[in-house]
Amino acid sequence: MADNWYPTIDPDVCARCMQCVEFCPHGVYEKRDGAPMVVDPASCVEFCRGCQKACDAGAIFFPGDR
């Protein structure tokens, strides 16, 4: 894992569907107060974008996306 490779969630775009929480097998996300949160960015697999693809709302971004 690269130190700077982890997802961020745009709260203005997030639909709170929890698809990212359900998708990620690495425990990067947790549901907190009804919304997904990145709780363990160090567990994100470098260059994996599976959660981003699973997010129908397009709320997940990685370094270099913006």
N, C-alpha and C. Protein backbone atom coordinates (compact mmCIF):
# COMPACT_ATOMS: atom_id res chain seq x y z
N MET A 1 0.85 -1.18 0.00
CA MET A 1 0.00 0.00 0.00
C MET A 1 0.88 1.23 0.00
N ALA A 2 0.60 2.13 -0.88
CA ALA A 2 1.31 3.41 -0.90
C ALA A 2 0.69 4.30 0.17
N ASP A 3 1.52 5.12 0.77
CA ASP A 3 1.04 5.98 1.86
C ASP A 3 -0.07 6.93 1.42
N ASN A 4 -0.11 7.26 0.16
CA ASN A 4 -1.09 8.24 -0.30
C ASN A 4 -2.21 7.62 -1.13
N TRP A 5 -2.36 6.32 -1.12
CA TRP A 5 -3.42 5.68 -1.91
C TRP A 5 -4.56 5.25 -1.00
N TYR A 6 -5.62 6.01 -1.02
CA TYR A 6 -6.81 5.65 -0.25
C TYR A 6 -7.99 6.45 -0.80
N PRO A 7 -9.20 5.96 -0.59
CA PRO A 7 -10.38 6.64 -1.12
C PRO A 7 -10.81 7.79 -0.23
N THR A 8 -11.47 8.74 -0.86
CA THR A 8 -12.18 9.78 -0.13
C THR A 8 -13.61 9.78 -0.66
N ILE A 9 -14.53 10.16 0.19
CA ILE A 9 -15.95 10.19 -0.17
C ILE A 9 -16.41 11.64 -0.20
N ASP A 10 -17.02 12.04 -1.30
CA ASP A 10 -17.60 13.38 -1.40
C ASP A 10 -18.98 13.32 -0.74
N PRO A 11 -19.14 13.92 0.43
CA PRO A 11 -20.42 13.81 1.16
C PRO A 11 -21.58 14.50 0.44
N ASP A 12 -21.27 15.44 -0.45
CA ASP A 12 -22.34 16.12 -1.19
C ASP A 12 -22.90 15.26 -2.31
N VAL A 13 -22.15 14.25 -2.72
CA VAL A 13 -22.56 13.36 -3.80
C VAL A 13 -23.04 12.00 -3.28
N CYS A 14 -22.53 11.60 -2.13
CA CYS A 14 -22.82 10.29 -1.56
C CYS A 14 -24.32 10.09 -1.32
N ALA A 15 -24.83 8.95 -1.79
CA ALA A 15 -26.24 8.61 -1.62
C ALA A 15 -26.49 7.78 -0.36
N ARG A 16 -25.44 7.50 0.39
CA ARG A 16 -25.53 6.70 1.62
C ARG A 16 -26.13 5.31 1.38
N CYS A 17 -25.79 4.75 0.24
CA CYS A 17 -26.31 3.43 -0.13
C CYS A 17 -25.52 2.29 0.49
N MET A 18 -24.33 2.58 0.95
CA MET A 18 -23.43 1.62 1.61
C MET A 18 -22.85 0.57 0.66
N GLN A 19 -22.92 0.80 -0.63
CA GLN A 19 -22.33 -0.15 -1.58
C GLN A 19 -20.82 -0.29 -1.34
N CYS A 20 -20.16 0.79 -0.98
CA CYS A 20 -18.72 0.73 -0.73
C CYS A 20 -18.42 -0.11 0.51
N VAL A 21 -19.22 0.06 1.55
CA VAL A 21 -19.04 -0.71 2.78
C VAL A 21 -19.25 -2.19 2.50
N GLU A 22 -20.29 -2.50 1.75
CA GLU A 22 -20.60 -3.89 1.43
C GLU A 22 -19.57 -4.50 0.49
N PHE A 23 -19.03 -3.70 -0.42
CA PHE A 23 -18.09 -4.22 -1.41
C PHE A 23 -16.72 -4.52 -0.84
N CYS A 24 -16.15 -3.62 -0.06
CA CYS A 24 -14.74 -3.69 0.31
C CYS A 24 -14.46 -4.84 1.28
N PRO A 25 -13.62 -5.80 0.85
CA PRO A 25 -13.27 -6.92 1.73
C PRO A 25 -12.10 -6.59 2.67
N HIS A 26 -11.58 -5.37 2.60
CA HIS A 26 -10.39 -5.02 3.36
C HIS A 26 -10.67 -4.17 4.59
N GLY A 27 -11.93 -3.86 4.84
CA GLY A 27 -12.29 -3.11 6.04
C GLY A 27 -11.94 -1.63 5.99
N VAL A 28 -11.84 -1.09 4.79
CA VAL A 28 -11.50 0.33 4.64
C VAL A 28 -12.65 1.21 5.12
N TYR A 29 -13.89 0.74 4.93
CA TYR A 29 -15.08 1.53 5.26
C TYR A 29 -15.85 0.95 6.44
N GLU A 30 -16.61 1.84 7.09
CA GLU A 30 -17.60 1.45 8.09
C GLU A 30 -18.79 2.39 7.96
N LYS A 31 -19.93 1.87 8.35
CA LYS A 31 -21.12 2.72 8.42
C LYS A 31 -21.11 3.43 9.77
N ARG A 32 -21.18 4.75 9.74
CA ARG A 32 -21.23 5.54 10.97
C ARG A 32 -22.24 6.66 10.81
N ASP A 33 -23.15 6.74 11.75
CA ASP A 33 -24.21 7.75 11.70
C ASP A 33 -24.95 7.75 10.36
N GLY A 34 -25.17 6.55 9.81
CA GLY A 34 -25.94 6.41 8.58
C GLY A 34 -25.19 6.71 7.31
N ALA A 35 -23.90 6.92 7.40
CA ALA A 35 -23.11 7.24 6.21
C ALA A 35 -21.84 6.40 6.18
N PRO A 36 -21.32 6.12 4.98
CA PRO A 36 -20.06 5.40 4.92
C PRO A 36 -18.91 6.34 5.28
N MET A 37 -17.94 5.77 5.99
CA MET A 37 -16.75 6.54 6.38
C MET A 37 -15.51 5.71 6.08
N VAL A 38 -14.45 6.37 5.64
CA VAL A 38 -13.16 5.71 5.47
C VAL A 38 -12.54 5.65 6.86
N VAL A 39 -12.44 4.44 7.41
CA VAL A 39 -11.94 4.28 8.78
C VAL A 39 -10.56 3.62 8.85
N ASP A 40 -10.15 2.95 7.79
CA ASP A 40 -8.84 2.28 7.78
C ASP A 40 -8.18 2.45 6.42
N PRO A 41 -7.76 3.67 6.09
CA PRO A 41 -7.18 3.91 4.77
C PRO A 41 -5.92 3.09 4.51
N ALA A 42 -5.19 2.72 5.55
CA ALA A 42 -3.96 1.93 5.38
C ALA A 42 -4.24 0.53 4.84
N SER A 43 -5.47 0.06 4.97
CA SER A 43 -5.82 -1.28 4.46
C SER A 43 -6.23 -1.27 3.00
N CYS A 44 -6.32 -0.10 2.40
CA CYS A 44 -6.70 -0.01 0.98
C CYS A 44 -5.58 -0.61 0.13
N VAL A 45 -5.95 -1.43 -0.84
CA VAL A 45 -4.98 -2.05 -1.73
C VAL A 45 -4.62 -1.06 -2.83
N GLU A 46 -3.33 -0.82 -2.98
CA GLU A 46 -2.85 0.16 -3.95
C GLU A 46 -3.41 -0.11 -5.35
N PHE A 47 -3.97 0.91 -5.93
CA PHE A 47 -4.55 0.94 -7.28
C PHE A 47 -5.83 0.13 -7.43
N CYS A 48 -6.37 -0.40 -6.35
CA CYS A 48 -7.69 -1.02 -6.41
C CYS A 48 -8.72 0.11 -6.50
N ARG A 49 -9.66 -0.03 -7.37
CA ARG A 49 -10.73 0.96 -7.51
C ARG A 49 -12.10 0.29 -7.50
N GLY A 50 -12.14 -0.89 -6.90
CA GLY A 50 -13.39 -1.65 -6.89
C GLY A 50 -14.54 -0.91 -6.24
N CYS A 51 -14.28 -0.27 -5.11
CA CYS A 51 -15.35 0.46 -4.42
C CYS A 51 -15.84 1.64 -5.26
N GLN A 52 -14.91 2.26 -5.97
CA GLN A 52 -15.28 3.38 -6.84
C GLN A 52 -16.21 2.91 -7.95
N LYS A 53 -15.92 1.75 -8.50
CA LYS A 53 -16.76 1.17 -9.55
C LYS A 53 -18.11 0.74 -8.99
N ALA A 54 -18.14 0.31 -7.73
CA ALA A 54 -19.39 -0.12 -7.10
C ALA A 54 -20.29 1.04 -6.72
N CYS A 55 -19.73 2.24 -6.65
CA CYS A 55 -20.48 3.42 -6.21
C CYS A 55 -21.26 4.02 -7.38
N ASP A 56 -22.56 3.76 -7.41
CA ASP A 56 -23.41 4.27 -8.48
C ASP A 56 -23.53 5.80 -8.46
N ALA A 57 -23.33 6.40 -7.30
CA ALA A 57 -23.45 7.86 -7.18
C ALA A 57 -22.20 8.59 -7.66
N GLY A 58 -21.09 7.88 -7.80
CA GLY A 58 -19.85 8.51 -8.22
C GLY A 58 -19.24 9.39 -7.15
N ALA A 59 -19.36 8.98 -5.89
CA ALA A 59 -18.92 9.80 -4.76
C ALA A 59 -17.52 9.46 -4.25
N ILE A 60 -16.89 8.42 -4.80
CA ILE A 60 -15.59 7.97 -4.30
C ILE A 60 -14.49 8.41 -5.25
N PHE A 61 -13.44 8.99 -4.65
CA PHE A 61 -12.31 9.49 -5.43
C PHE A 61 -11.01 8.97 -4.84
N PHE A 62 -10.02 8.87 -5.70
CA PHE A 62 -8.68 8.46 -5.32
C PHE A 62 -7.69 9.54 -5.73
N PRO A 63 -6.47 9.49 -5.20
CA PRO A 63 -5.48 10.50 -5.56
C PRO A 63 -5.33 10.61 -7.08
N GLY A 64 -5.35 11.83 -7.56
CA GLY A 64 -5.20 12.08 -8.99
C GLY A 64 -6.51 12.16 -9.75
N ASP A 65 -7.63 11.82 -9.12
CA ASP A 65 -8.92 11.86 -9.81
C ASP A 65 -9.42 13.29 -10.04
N ARG A 66 -9.04 14.18 -9.18
CA ARG A 66 -9.53 15.57 -9.30
C ARG A 66 -8.40 16.52 -9.54
